[in-house]
PDB file of N, CA and C in Angstrom:
ATOM      1  N   MET A   1      89.288 114.281 107.682  1.00  0.00           N
ATOM      2  CA  MET A   1      90.706 113.885 107.728  1.00  0.00           C
ATOM      3  C   MET A   1      91.461 113.878 108.987  1.00  0.00           C
ATOM      4  N   ASP A   2      92.526 112.947 109.417  1.00  0.00           N
ATOM      5  CA  ASP A   2      93.208 113.152 110.593  1.00  0.00           C
ATOM      6  C   ASP A   2      94.570 113.717 110.127  1.00  0.00           C
ATOM      7  N   ASP A   3      95.371 113.880 111.297  1.00  0.00           N
ATOM      8  CA  ASP A   3      96.540 114.568 111.364  1.00  0.00           C
ATOM      9  C   ASP A   3      97.746 113.850 110.037  1.00  0.00           C
ATOM     10  N   ASP A   4      97.384 112.825 109.999  1.00  0.00           N
ATOM     11  CA  ASP A   4      98.566 111.966 109.232  1.00  0.00           C
ATOM     12  C   ASP A   4      98.302 112.200 107.384  1.00  0.00           C
ATOM     13  N   GLY A   5      96.874 113.027 107.255  1.00  0.00           N
ATOM     14  CA  GLY A   5      96.492 112.990 105.739  1.00  0.00           C
ATOM     15  C   GLY A   5      95.765 112.081 105.342  1.00  0.00           C
ATOM     16  N   ARG A   6      94.956 111.168 106.439  1.00  0.00           N
ATOM     17  CA  ARG A   6      94.397 109.836 105.809  1.00  0.00           C
ATOM     18  C   ARG A   6      92.884 110.254 106.135  1.00  0.00           C
ATOM     19  N   VAL A   7      91.921 109.671 105.315  1.00  0.00           N
ATOM     20  CA  VAL A   7      90.561 109.722 105.443  1.00  0.00           C
ATOM     21  C   VAL A   7      89.990 108.401 106.312  1.00  0.00           C
ATOM     22  N   ALA A   8      89.343 108.602 107.253  1.00  0.00           N
ATOM     23  CA  ALA A   8      88.945 107.617 107.930  1.00  0.00           C
ATOM     24  C   ALA A   8      87.550 107.349 107.372  1.00  0.00           C
ATOM     25  N   ALA A   9      87.275 105.938 107.432  1.00  0.00           N
ATOM     26  CA  ALA A   9      86.135 105.365 106.739  1.00  0.00           C
ATOM     27  C   ALA A   9      85.083 104.934 107.894  1.00  0.00           C
ATOM     28  N   GLN A  10      83.998 104.742 107.523  1.00  0.00           N
ATOM     29  CA  GLN A  10      83.178 104.184 108.309  1.00  0.00           C
ATOM     30  C   GLN A  10      83.602 102.821 109.156  1.00  0.00           C
ATOM     31  N   ALA A  11      83.214 102.771 110.149  1.00  0.00           N
ATOM     32  CA  ALA A  11      83.521 101.211 110.970  1.00  0.00           C
ATOM     33  C   ALA A  11      82.582 100.391 110.479  1.00  0.00           C
ATOM     34  N   THR A  12      83.252  99.018 110.099  1.00  0.00           N
ATOM     35  CA  THR A  12      82.335  98.014 109.640  1.00  0.00           C
ATOM     36  C   THR A  12      81.780  97.554 110.816  1.00  0.00           C
ATOM     37  N   ASP A  13      80.450  97.162 110.494  1.00  0.00           N
ATOM     38  CA  ASP A  13      79.731  96.458 111.519  1.00  0.00           C
ATOM     39  C   ASP A  13      79.786  95.136 111.302  1.00  0.00           C
ATOM     40  N   TRP A  14      80.824  94.251 111.564  1.00  0.00           N
ATOM     41  CA  TRP A  14      81.311  92.743 111.029  1.00  0.00           C
ATOM     42  C   TRP A  14      80.055  91.891 111.739  1.00  0.00           C
ATOM     43  N   GLU A  15      79.656  92.158 112.800  1.00  0.00           N
ATOM     44  CA  GLU A  15      78.635  91.389 113.328  1.00  0.00           C
ATOM     45  C   GLU A  15      77.210  91.508 112.346  1.00  0.00           C
ATOM     46  N   ALA A  16      76.979  92.562 112.184  1.00  0.00           N
ATOM     47  CA  ALA A  16      75.632  92.535 111.295  1.00  0.00           C
ATOM     48  C   ALA A  16      75.774  91.997 109.937  1.00  0.00           C
ATOM     49  N   ILE A  17      76.946  91.924 109.322  1.00  0.00           N
ATOM     50  CA  ILE A  17      77.211  91.030 108.172  1.00  0.00           C
ATOM     51  C   ILE A  17      77.063  89.663 108.668  1.00  0.00           C
ATOM     52  N   GLU A  18      77.635  89.145 109.904  1.00  0.00           N
ATOM     53  CA  GLU A  18      77.736  87.912 109.958  1.00  0.00           C
ATOM     54  C   GLU A  18      76.301  87.331 110.328  1.00  0.00           C
ATOM     55  N   ARG A  19      75.544  88.059 110.764  1.00  0.00           N
ATOM     56  CA  ARG A  19      73.918  87.860 111.206  1.00  0.00           C
ATOM     57  C   ARG A  19      73.118  87.845 110.104  1.00  0.00           C
ATOM     58  N   SER A  20      73.661  88.288 108.859  1.00  0.00           N
ATOM     59  CA  SER A  20      72.732  88.480 107.560  1.00  0.00           C
ATOM     60  C   SER A  20      72.622  87.127 107.248  1.00  0.00           C
ATOM     61  N   ALA A  21      71.465  87.126 106.375  1.00  0.00           N
ATOM     62  CA  ALA A  21      70.995  85.651 105.793  1.00  0.00           C
ATOM     63  C   ALA A  21      71.714  84.986 104.767  1.00  0.00           C
ATOM     64  N   ASP A  22      72.300  86.039 104.019  1.00  0.00           N
ATOM     65  CA  ASP A  22      73.171  85.644 103.005  1.00  0.00           C
ATOM     66  C   ASP A  22      74.463  85.460 103.424  1.00  0.00           C
ATOM     67  N   PHE A  23      74.954  85.880 104.203  1.00  0.00           N
ATOM     68  CA  PHE A  23      76.509  85.420 104.981  1.00  0.00           C
ATOM     69  C   PHE A  23      75.891  84.036 105.558  1.00  0.00           C
ATOM     70  N   GLN A  24      74.891  83.691 106.140  1.00  0.00           N
ATOM     71  CA  GLN A  24      74.680  82.385 106.545  1.00  0.00           C
ATOM     72  C   GLN A  24      74.882  81.382 105.907  1.00  0.00           C
ATOM     73  N   GLU A  25      73.620  81.635 104.717  1.00  0.00           N
ATOM     74  CA  GLU A  25      73.782  80.838 103.522  1.00  0.00           C
ATOM     75  C   GLU A  25      75.183  80.252 103.026  1.00  0.00           C
ATOM     76  N   LEU A  26      76.168  81.541 102.893  1.00  0.00           N
ATOM     77  CA  LEU A  26      77.312  81.068 102.286  1.00  0.00           C
ATOM     78  C   LEU A  26      78.206  80.471 103.280  1.00  0.00           C
ATOM     79  N   VAL A  27      78.248  80.569 104.579  1.00  0.00           N
ATOM     80  CA  VAL A  27      79.130  79.874 105.324  1.00  0.00           C
ATOM     81  C   VAL A  27      78.510  78.290 105.512  1.00  0.00           C
ATOM     82  N   THR A  28      77.384  78.221 105.755  1.00  0.00           N
ATOM     83  CA  THR A  28      76.653  76.865 105.666  1.00  0.00           C
ATOM     84  C   THR A  28      77.002  75.991 104.281  1.00  0.00           C
ATOM     85  N   GLY A  29      76.754  76.735 103.223  1.00  0.00           N
ATOM     86  CA  GLY A  29      77.141  75.909 102.005  1.00  0.00           C
ATOM     87  C   GLY A  29      78.497  75.547 101.864  1.00  0.00           C
ATOM     88  N   ARG A  30      79.360  76.268 102.128  1.00  0.00           N
ATOM     89  CA  ARG A  30      80.807  76.355 102.107  1.00  0.00           C
ATOM     90  C   ARG A  30      81.039  75.208 103.156  1.00  0.00           C
ATOM     91  N   ARG A  31      80.607  75.037 104.316  1.00  0.00           N
ATOM     92  CA  ARG A  31      80.989  74.406 105.185  1.00  0.00           C
ATOM     93  C   ARG A  31      80.289  72.843 105.054  1.00  0.00           C
ATOM     94  N   ARG A  32      79.188  72.774 104.407  1.00  0.00           N
ATOM     95  CA  ARG A  32      78.567  71.386 104.165  1.00  0.00           C
ATOM     96  C   ARG A  32      79.354  70.800 102.867  1.00  0.00           C
ATOM     97  N   PHE A  33      79.715  71.596 101.803  1.00  0.00           N
ATOM     98  CA  PHE A  33      80.286  71.124 100.759  1.00  0.00           C
ATOM     99  C   PHE A  33      81.657  70.581 101.102  1.00  0.00           C
ATOM    100  N   SER A  34      82.422  71.293 102.068  1.00  0.00           N
ATOM    101  CA  SER A  34      83.913  71.165 102.567  1.00  0.00           C
ATOM    102  C   SER A  34      83.639  69.743 103.373  1.00  0.00           C
ATOM    103  N   TRP A  35      82.701  69.508 104.196  1.00  0.00           N
ATOM    104  CA  TRP A  35      82.706  68.455 105.027  1.00  0.00           C
ATOM    105  C   TRP A  35      82.490  67.084 104.023  1.00  0.00           C
ATOM    106  N   THR A  36      81.337  67.299 103.146  1.00  0.00           N
ATOM    107  CA  THR A  36      81.098  66.077 102.306  1.00  0.00           C
ATOM    108  C   THR A  36      82.138  65.938 101.249  1.00  0.00           C
ATOM    109  N   ALA A  37      82.625  66.869 100.573  1.00  0.00           N
ATOM    110  CA  ALA A  37      83.689  66.523  99.591  1.00  0.00           C
ATOM    111  C   ALA A  37      85.099  66.177 100.297  1.00  0.00           C
ATOM    112  N   GLY A  38      85.415  66.522 101.475  1.00  0.00           N
ATOM    113  CA  GLY A  38      86.541  66.145 102.138  1.00  0.00           C
ATOM    114  C   GLY A  38      86.529  64.672 102.802  1.00  0.00           C
ATOM    115  N   GLY A  39      84.964  64.505 103.267  1.00  0.00           N
ATOM    116  CA  GLY A  39      84.884  62.997 103.740  1.00  0.00           C
ATOM    117  C   GLY A  39      85.063  62.057 102.693  1.00  0.00           C
ATOM    118  N   LEU A  40      84.692  62.384 101.721  1.00  0.00           N
ATOM    119  CA  LEU A  40      84.519  61.494 100.351  1.00  0.00           C
ATOM    120  C   LEU A  40      85.941  61.176 100.027  1.00  0.00           C
ATOM    121  N   GLY A  41      86.710  62.481  99.707  1.00  0.00           N
ATOM    122  CA  GLY A  41      88.034  62.160  99.280  1.00  0.00           C
ATOM    123  C   GLY A  41      88.817  61.416 100.387  1.00  0.00           C
ATOM    124  N   VAL A  42      88.826  61.678 101.577  1.00  0.00           N
ATOM    125  CA  VAL A  42      89.596  61.337 102.715  1.00  0.00           C
ATOM    126  C   VAL A  42      89.261  59.679 102.756  1.00  0.00           C
ATOM    127  N   GLY A  43      87.775  59.609 102.870  1.00  0.00           N
ATOM    128  CA  GLY A  43      87.201  58.392 102.994  1.00  0.00           C
ATOM    129  C   GLY A  43      87.842  57.211 101.864  1.00  0.00           C
ATOM    130  N   LEU A  44      87.661  57.863 100.667  1.00  0.00           N
ATOM    131  CA  LEU A  44      87.940  56.740  99.479  1.00  0.00           C
ATOM    132  C   LEU A  44      89.623  56.442  99.584  1.00  0.00           C
ATOM    133  N   GLY A  45      90.550  57.724 100.053  1.00  0.00           N
ATOM    134  CA  GLY A  45      91.862  57.527 100.355  1.00  0.00           C
ATOM    135  C   GLY A  45      92.218  56.585 101.454  1.00  0.00           C
ATOM    136  N   ALA A  46      91.589  56.542 102.464  1.00  0.00           N
ATOM    137  CA  ALA A  46      91.804  55.748 103.453  1.00  0.00           C
ATOM    138  C   ALA A  46      91.436  54.445 103.019  1.00  0.00           C
ATOM    139  N   LEU A  47      90.208  53.976 102.514  1.00  0.00           N
ATOM    140  CA  LEU A  47      89.795  52.729 102.040  1.00  0.00           C
ATOM    141  C   LEU A  47      90.956  52.179 101.027  1.00  0.00           C
ATOM    142  N   TYR A  48      91.367  52.927 100.093  1.00  0.00           N
ATOM    143  CA  TYR A  48      92.414  52.351  99.167  1.00  0.00           C
ATOM    144  C   TYR A  48      93.916  51.865 100.078  1.00  0.00           C
ATOM    145  N   VAL A  49      94.206  52.728 101.001  1.00  0.00           N
ATOM    146  CA  VAL A  49      95.415  52.488 101.825  1.00  0.00           C
ATOM    147  C   VAL A  49      95.005  51.066 102.603  1.00  0.00           C
ATOM    148  N   VAL A  50      93.833  50.951 103.244  1.00  0.00           N
ATOM    149  CA  VAL A  50      93.504  49.830 104.188  1.00  0.00           C
ATOM    150  C   VAL A  50      93.498  48.627 103.322  1.00  0.00           C
ATOM    151  N   LEU A  51      93.060  48.929 101.822  1.00  0.00           N
ATOM    152  CA  LEU A  51      92.708  47.587 101.128  1.00  0.00           C
ATOM    153  C   LEU A  51      94.007  47.047 100.750  1.00  0.00           C
ATOM    154  N   ALA A  52      95.085  48.134 100.281  1.00  0.00           N
ATOM    155  CA  ALA A  52      96.286  47.670  99.865  1.00  0.00           C
ATOM    156  C   ALA A  52      97.321  47.110 100.827  1.00  0.00           C
ATOM    157  N   GLY A  53      96.842  47.351 102.286  1.00  0.00           N
ATOM    158  CA  GLY A  53      97.544  46.925 103.512  1.00  0.00           C
ATOM    159  C   GLY A  53      96.977  45.524 103.759  1.00  0.00           C
ATOM    160  N   ILE A  54      95.566  45.368 103.879  1.00  0.00           N
ATOM    161  CA  ILE A  54      94.956  44.094 104.353  1.00  0.00           C
ATOM    162  C   ILE A  54      94.898  42.923 102.996  1.00  0.00           C
ATOM    163  N   ALA A  55      94.538  43.670 102.073  1.00  0.00           N
ATOM    164  CA  ALA A  55      94.143  42.652 100.827  1.00  0.00           C
ATOM    165  C   ALA A  55      95.111  43.028  99.440  1.00  0.00           C
ATOM    166  N   PRO A  56      96.467  42.604  99.726  1.00  0.00           N
ATOM    167  CA  PRO A  56      97.339  42.802  98.645  1.00  0.00           C
ATOM    168  C   PRO A  56      97.018  42.032  97.428  1.00  0.00           C
ATOM    169  N   ASP A  57      96.496  40.675  97.550  1.00  0.00           N
ATOM    170  CA  ASP A  57      96.101  39.848  96.527  1.00  0.00           C
ATOM    171  C   ASP A  57      94.694  40.515  95.804  1.00  0.00           C
ATOM    172  N   LEU A  58      93.964  41.182  96.399  1.00  0.00           N
ATOM    173  CA  LEU A  58      92.843  41.702  95.871  1.00  0.00           C
ATOM    174  C   LEU A  58      93.289  42.705  95.000  1.00  0.00           C
ATOM    175  N   MET A  59      93.785  43.765  95.458  1.00  0.00           N
ATOM    176  CA  MET A  59      94.556  44.844  94.864  1.00  0.00           C
ATOM    177  C   MET A  59      95.371  44.628  93.626  1.00  0.00           C
ATOM    178  N   GLY A  60      95.843  43.257  93.771  1.00  0.00           N
ATOM    179  CA  GLY A  60      96.723  42.836  92.722  1.00  0.00           C
ATOM    180  C   GLY A  60      95.994  42.105  91.518  1.00  0.00           C
ATOM    181  N   THR A  61      94.762  41.850  91.791  1.00  0.00           N
ATOM    182  CA  THR A  61      93.905  41.254  90.791  1.00  0.00           C
ATOM    183  C   THR A  61      94.171  42.169  89.524  1.00  0.00           C
ATOM    184  N   HIS A  62      94.237  41.192  88.513  1.00  0.00           N
ATOM    185  CA  HIS A  62      94.298  41.861  87.050  1.00  0.00           C
ATOM    186  C   HIS A  62      93.254  42.084  86.134  1.00  0.00           C
ATOM    187  N   LEU A  63      92.591  43.173  85.783  1.00  0.00           N
ATOM    188  CA  LEU A  63      91.659  43.345  85.209  1.00  0.00           C
ATOM    189  C   LEU A  63      91.457  43.164  83.920  1.00  0.00           C
ATOM    190  N   ILE A  64      92.525  43.718  83.210  1.00  0.00           N
ATOM    191  CA  ILE A  64      92.753  43.980  81.744  1.00  0.00           C
ATOM    192  C   ILE A  64      94.106  43.857  81.508  1.00  0.00           C
ATOM    193  N   GLY A  65      94.774  42.690  81.001  1.00  0.00           N
ATOM    194  CA  GLY A  65      96.121  42.439  80.659  1.00  0.00           C
ATOM    195  C   GLY A  65      96.885  42.722  82.212  1.00  0.00           C
ATOM    196  N   SER A  66      97.832  43.926  82.391  1.00  0.00           N
ATOM    197  CA  SER A  66      98.638  44.229  83.495  1.00  0.00           C
ATOM    198  C   SER A  66      98.133  45.351  84.174  1.00  0.00           C
ATOM    199  N   PHE A  67      96.882  45.430  83.788  1.00  0.00           N
ATOM    200  CA  PHE A  67      96.132  46.592  84.571  1.00  0.00           C
ATOM    201  C   PHE A  67      95.315  45.955  85.810  1.00  0.00           C
ATOM    202  N   SER A  68      96.006  46.486  87.095  1.00  0.00           N
ATOM    203  CA  SER A  68      95.236  46.002  88.260  1.00  0.00           C
ATOM    204  C   SER A  68      94.187  46.627  88.784  1.00  0.00           C
ATOM    205  N   LEU A  69      93.507  46.080  89.814  1.00  0.00           N
ATOM    206  CA  LEU A  69      92.558  46.975  90.639  1.00  0.00           C
ATOM    207  C   LEU A  69      93.114  47.867  91.369  1.00  0.00           C
ATOM    208  N   GLY A  70      94.469  47.701  91.896  1.00  0.00           N
ATOM    209  CA  GLY A  70      95.302  48.748  92.894  1.00  0.00           C
ATOM    210  C   GLY A  70      95.234  49.800  91.803  1.00  0.00           C
ATOM    211  N   PHE A  71      95.935  49.498  90.539  1.00  0.00           N
ATOM    212  CA  PHE A  71      96.429  50.783  89.639  1.00  0.00           C
ATOM    213  C   PHE A  71      94.752  51.413  89.416  1.00  0.00           C
ATOM    214  N   ALA A  72      93.600  50.782  89.176  1.00  0.00           N
ATOM    215  CA  ALA A  72      92.381  51.134  88.893  1.00  0.00           C
ATOM    216  C   ALA A  72      92.070  52.031  89.975  1.00  0.00           C
ATOM    217  N   GLY A  73      92.211  51.724  91.099  1.00  0.00           N
ATOM    218  CA  GLY A  73      91.832  52.379  92.363  1.00  0.00           C
ATOM    219  C   GLY A  73      92.491  53.734  92.538  1.00  0.00           C
ATOM    220  N   SER A  74      93.842  53.614  92.344  1.00  0.00           N
ATOM    221  CA  SER A  74      94.530  54.894  92.394  1.00  0.00           C
ATOM    222  C   SER A  74      94.237  56.032  91.129  1.00  0.00           C
ATOM    223  N   VAL A  75      93.787  55.536  89.998  1.00  0.00           N
ATOM    224  CA  VAL A  75      93.206  56.411  88.948  1.00  0.00           C
ATOM    225  C   VAL A  75      92.041  56.976  89.253  1.00  0.00           C
ATOM    226  N   LEU A  76      91.163  56.226  90.155  1.00  0.00           N
ATOM    227  CA  LEU A  76      89.842  56.582  90.480  1.00  0.00           C
ATOM    228  C   LEU A  76      90.128  57.596  91.529  1.00  0.00           C
ATOM    229  N   LEU A  77      91.270  57.528  92.495  1.00  0.00           N
ATOM    230  CA  LEU A  77      91.396  58.655  93.546  1.00  0.00           C
ATOM    231  C   LEU A  77      91.901  59.852  92.844  1.00  0.00           C
ATOM    232  N   ILE A  78      92.783  59.793  91.704  1.00  0.00           N
ATOM    233  CA  ILE A  78      92.952  60.991  90.988  1.00  0.00           C
ATOM    234  C   ILE A  78      92.009  61.428  90.334  1.00  0.00           C
ATOM    235  N   VAL A  79      90.797  60.874  89.829  1.00  0.00           N
ATOM    236  CA  VAL A  79      89.508  61.456  89.339  1.00  0.00           C
ATOM    237  C   VAL A  79      88.751  61.919  90.029  1.00  0.00           C
ATOM    238  N   VAL A  80      88.434  61.592  91.366  1.00  0.00           N
ATOM    239  CA  VAL A  80      87.605  62.094  92.346  1.00  0.00           C
ATOM    240  C   VAL A  80      88.195  63.333  92.943  1.00  0.00           C
ATOM    241  N   THR A  81      89.582  63.435  92.934  1.00  0.00           N
ATOM    242  CA  THR A  81      90.015  64.531  93.340  1.00  0.00           C
ATOM    243  C   THR A  81      89.854  65.845  92.362  1.00  0.00           C
ATOM    244  N   TRP A  82      90.167  65.551  91.225  1.00  0.00           N
ATOM    245  CA  TRP A  82      89.736  66.404  90.284  1.00  0.00           C
ATOM    246  C   TRP A  82      88.179  66.739  90.141  1.00  0.00           C
ATOM    247  N   ALA A  83      87.338  65.730  90.247  1.00  0.00           N
ATOM    248  CA  ALA A  83      85.984  66.137  90.377  1.00  0.00           C
ATOM    249  C   ALA A  83      85.390  67.174  91.445  1.00  0.00           C
ATOM    250  N   ILE A  84      86.053  66.772  92.362  1.00  0.00           N
ATOM    251  CA  ILE A  84      85.864  67.363  93.585  1.00  0.00           C
ATOM    252  C   ILE A  84      86.120  68.890  93.531  1.00  0.00           C
ATOM    253  N   THR A  85      87.631  69.308  93.073  1.00  0.00           N
ATOM    254  CA  THR A  85      88.029  70.471  92.524  1.00  0.00           C
ATOM    255  C   THR A  85      87.033  71.096  91.482  1.00  0.00           C
ATOM    256  N   PHE A  86      86.663  70.443  90.479  1.00  0.00           N
ATOM    257  CA  PHE A  86      85.867  71.234  89.488  1.00  0.00           C
ATOM    258  C   PHE A  86      84.439  71.418  89.968  1.00  0.00           C
ATOM    259  N   ALA A  87      83.821  70.659  90.723  1.00  0.00           N
ATOM    260  CA  ALA A  87      82.798  70.831  91.497  1.00  0.00           C
ATOM    261  C   ALA A  87      82.659  72.105  92.191  1.00  0.00           C
ATOM    262  N   TYR A  88      83.855  72.157  93.199  1.00  0.00           N
ATOM    263  CA  TYR A  88      83.998  73.208  93.976  1.00  0.00           C
ATOM    264  C   TYR A  88      84.029  74.552  93.185  1.00  0.00           C
ATOM    265  N   MET A  89      84.503  74.350  92.187  1.00  0.00           N
ATOM    266  CA  MET A  89      84.901  75.976  91.404  1.00  0.00           C
ATOM    267  C   MET A  89      83.652  76.115  90.620  1.00  0.00           C
ATOM    268  N   ARG A  90      82.622  75.029  90.176  1.00  0.00           N
ATOM    269  CA  ARG A  90      81.345  75.465  89.643  1.00  0.00           C
ATOM    270  C   ARG A  90      80.488  75.964  90.762  1.00  0.00           C
ATOM    271  N   ARG A  91      80.553  75.440  91.788  1.00  0.00           N
ATOM    272  CA  ARG A  91      79.589  76.055  93.133  1.00  0.00           C
ATOM    273  C   ARG A  91      80.019  77.232  93.158  1.00  0.00           C
ATOM    274  N   SER A  92      81.271  77.496  93.347  1.00  0.00           N
ATOM    275  CA  SER A  92      81.940  78.805  93.993  1.00  0.00           C
ATOM    276  C   SER A  92      81.742  80.249  92.736  1.00  0.00           C
ATOM    277  N   ASP A  93      81.572  79.667  91.501  1.00  0.00           N
ATOM    278  CA  ASP A  93      81.162  80.683  90.458  1.00  0.00           C
ATOM    279  C   ASP A  93      79.644  81.017  90.486  1.00  0.00           C
ATOM    280  N   ARG A  94      79.223  79.956  90.531  1.00  0.00           N
ATOM    281  CA  ARG A  94      77.497  79.947  89.932  1.00  0.00           C
ATOM    282  C   ARG A  94      76.672  80.339  91.760  1.00  0.00           C
ATOM    283  N   VAL A  95      77.237  79.864  92.652  1.00  0.00           N
ATOM    284  CA  VAL A  95      76.469  80.314  93.896  1.00  0.00           C
ATOM    285  C   VAL A  95      77.087  80.933  94.939  1.00  0.00           C
ATOM    286  N   TRP A  96      78.253  80.906  95.332  1.00  0.00           N
ATOM    287  CA  TRP A  96      78.954  81.550  96.213  1.00  0.00           C
ATOM    288  C   TRP A  96      79.579  82.777  96.017  1.00  0.00           C
ATOM    289  N   GLY A  97      79.845  82.950  94.591  1.00  0.00           N
ATOM    290  CA  GLY A  97      80.377  84.390  94.208  1.00  0.00           C
ATOM    291  C   GLY A  97      79.349  85.351  94.089  1.00  0.00           C
ATOM    292  N   PRO A  98      78.137  85.001  93.412  1.00  0.00           N
ATOM    293  CA  PRO A  98      76.942  85.974  93.697  1.00  0.00           C
ATOM    294  C   PRO A  98      76.382  86.234  95.145  1.00  0.00           C
ATOM    295  N   LEU A  99      76.496  85.267  96.074  1.00  0.00           N
ATOM    296  CA  LEU A  99      76.128  85.625  97.508  1.00  0.00           C
ATOM    297  C   LEU A  99      77.325  86.531  97.969  1.00  0.00           C
ATOM    298  N   GLU A 100      78.645  86.357  97.793  1.00  0.00           N
ATOM    299  CA  GLU A 100      79.642  87.218  98.186  1.00  0.00           C
ATOM    300  C   GLU A 100      79.418  88.531  97.723  1.00  0.00           C
ATOM    301  N   GLU A 101      78.800  88.843  96.445  1.00  0.00           N
ATOM    302  CA  GLU A 101      78.552  90.147  95.724  1.00  0.00           C
ATOM    303  C   GLU A 101      77.352  90.580  96.476  1.00  0.00           C
ATOM    304  N   ARG A 102      76.386  90.114  96.847  1.00  0.00           N
ATOM    305  CA  ARG A 102      75.274  90.536  97.483  1.00  0.00           C
ATOM    306  C   ARG A 102      75.629  90.881  98.950  1.00  0.00           C
ATOM    307  N   ILE A 103      76.313  90.300  99.553  1.00  0.00           N
ATOM    308  CA  ILE A 103      77.211  90.736 100.819  1.00  0.00           C
ATOM    309  C   ILE A 103      77.503  91.836 100.906  1.00  0.00           C
ATOM    310  N   ARG A 104      78.813  91.928  99.961  1.00  0.00           N
ATOM    311  CA  ARG A 104      79.409  93.125  99.454  1.00  0.00           C
ATOM    312  C   ARG A 104      78.323  94.412  99.289  1.00  0.00           C
ATOM    313  N   GLU A 105      77.462  94.343  98.727  1.00  0.00           N
ATOM    314  CA  GLU A 105      76.668  95.281  98.046  1.00  0.00           C
ATOM    315  C   GLU A 105      75.723  95.785  99.498  1.00  0.00           C
ATOM    316  N   GLN A 106      75.478  94.610 100.224  1.00  0.00           N
ATOM    317  CA  GLN A 106      74.728  95.142 101.442  1.00  0.00           C
ATOM    318  C   GLN A 106      75.424  95.749 102.767  1.00  0.00           C
ATOM    319  N   ALA A 107      76.732  95.587 102.437  1.00  0.00           N
ATOM    320  CA  ALA A 107      77.661  96.142 103.561  1.00  0.00           C
ATOM    321  C   ALA A 107      77.816  97.787 103.441  1.00  0.00           C
ATOM    322  N   PRO A 108      77.813  98.356 104.424  1.00  0.00           N
ATOM    323  CA  PRO A 108      78.238  99.827 104.575  1.00  0.00           C
ATOM    324  C   PRO A 108      79.442 100.341 103.967  1.00  0.00           C
ATOM    325  N   PRO A 109      79.272 101.266 103.457  1.00  0.00           N
ATOM    326  CA  PRO A 109      80.654 102.169 102.687  1.00  0.00           C
ATOM    327  C   PRO A 109      82.073 101.665 103.602  1.00  0.00           C
ATOM    328  N   GLY A 110      83.289 101.340 103.057  1.00  0.00           N
ATOM    329  CA  GLY A 110      84.396 101.268 104.053  1.00  0.00           C
ATOM    330  C   GLY A 110      84.460  99.678 104.272  1.00  0.00           C
ATOM    331  N   ALA A 111      83.416  98.927 104.017  1.00  0.00           N
ATOM    332  CA  ALA A 111      83.264  97.510 104.483  1.00  0.00           C
ATOM    333  C   ALA A 111      84.385  96.583 103.690  1.00  0.00           C
ATOM    334  N   GLY A 112      85.250  95.932 104.341  1.00  0.00           N
ATOM    335  CA  GLY A 112      86.161  95.228 103.597  1.00  0.00           C
ATOM    336  C   GLY A 112      87.582  95.779 103.993  1.00  0.00           C
ATOM    337  N   ARG A 113      87.583  97.014 104.407  1.00  0.00           N
ATOM    338  CA  ARG A 113      88.835  97.779 104.534  1.00  0.00           C
ATOM    339  C   ARG A 113      89.538  97.574 105.776  1.00  0.00           C
ATOM    340  N   GLY A 114      88.822  97.353 106.740  1.00  0.00           N
ATOM    341  CA  GLY A 114      89.355  97.283 108.312  1.00  0.00           C
ATOM    342  C   GLY A 114      89.405  95.916 108.538  1.00  0.00           C
ATOM    343  N   ALA A 115      90.243  95.622 109.816  1.00  0.00           N
ATOM    344  CA  ALA A 115      90.329  94.451 110.280  1.00  0.00           C
ATOM    345  C   ALA A 115      89.016  93.968 111.067  1.00  0.00           C
ATOM    346  N   PRO A 116      88.611  92.674 110.976  1.00  0.00           N
ATOM    347  CA  PRO A 116      87.290  92.031 111.461  1.00  0.00           C
ATOM    348  C   PRO A 116      87.617  91.860 113.006  1.00  0.00           C
ATOM    349  N   GLY A 117      86.682  92.507 113.573  1.00  0.00           N
ATOM    350  CA  GLY A 117      86.688  92.165 115.185  1.00  0.00           C
ATOM    351  C   GLY A 117      87.494  93.471 115.549  1.00  0.00           C
ATOM    352  N   SER A 118      88.390  94.320 115.033  1.00  0.00           N
ATOM    353  CA  SER A 118      88.998  95.363 115.752  1.00  0.00           C
ATOM    354  C   SER A 118      88.008  96.437 116.248  1.00  0.00           C
ATOM    355  N   GLY A 119      86.884  96.672 115.879  1.00  0.00           N
ATOM    356  CA  GLY A 119      86.136  97.795 116.529  1.00  0.00           C
ATOM    357  C   GLY A 119      86.770  98.982 116.073  1.00  0.00           C
ATOM    358  N   ALA A 120      87.933  99.400 115.557  1.00  0.00           N
ATOM    359  CA  ALA A 120      88.401 100.563 115.211  1.00  0.00           C
ATOM    360  C   ALA A 120      88.053 100.872 113.776  1.00  0.00           C
ATOM    361  N   PRO A 121      87.664 102.391 113.256  1.00  0.00           N
ATOM    362  CA  PRO A 121      87.239 102.434 112.001  1.00  0.00           C
ATOM    363  C   PRO A 121      88.714 102.239 110.843  1.00  0.00           C
ATOM    364  N   ALA A 122      88.373 101.516 109.784  1.00  0.00           N
ATOM    365  CA  ALA A 122      89.588 101.327 108.690  1.00  0.00           C
ATOM    366  C   ALA A 122      90.121 102.758 108.207  1.00  0.00           C
ATOM    367  N   GLU A 123      91.213 102.983 108.003  1.00  0.00           N
ATOM    368  CA  GLU A 123      91.842 104.050 107.319  1.00  0.00           C
ATOM    369  C   GLU A 123      92.290 103.828 106.060  1.00  0.00           C
ATOM    370  N   VAL A 124      91.956 104.736 105.081  1.00  0.00           N
ATOM    371  CA  VAL A 124      92.487 104.666 103.767  1.00  0.00           C
ATOM    372  C   VAL A 124      93.520 105.632 103.368  1.00  0.00           C
ATOM    373  N   ALA A 125      94.704 105.728 102.987  1.00  0.00           N
ATOM    374  CA  ALA A 125      95.918 106.482 102.606  1.00  0.00           C
ATOM    375  C   ALA A 125      95.356 107.209 101.317  1.00  0.00           C
ATOM    376  N   ARG A 126      95.461 108.345 101.467  1.00  0.00           N
ATOM    377  CA  ARG A 126      95.306 109.100 100.116  1.00  0.00           C
ATOM    378  C   ARG A 126      96.380 109.338  99.245  1.00  0.00           C
TER     379      ARG A 126
END
C-alpha cells in the first residue's frame, strides 16, 4: 500500500500479451474481417453512386411496376449493411469473444487496469 492508501497492482506486460498467439489471431481476424466487409460495403456503395451518375437510364429501368433498378440497388445496400453488421456480431460472439476471454485469463493479475505502454504499475483505489 502506498502513502495515498492505494494498492499497487502488478505491472502488466502488454508486449507479452501482444506477442501471444491468441492476441495475434484476434487482431488478424478482426483486421481481415474489417477490410473485407468494409471493402464490400464501400465498393457496392461506390458502384451504386457511379451507376447513378453515368447510367441514369439503366438505374431508372423499371423492374416491376414503378419499382426501378435504382431503388432495388438502394434496398440492396441497406440489406448488405445489415448483413455485415449481423455477421460481425455473430463472429464477435462465437470467435472473438472467447479469444478475448482466453487472453484475459492468460494475463497476469492486474491486467487491464493500467494504461498500455505506460510501463508504470496500475493503481487500484480502495
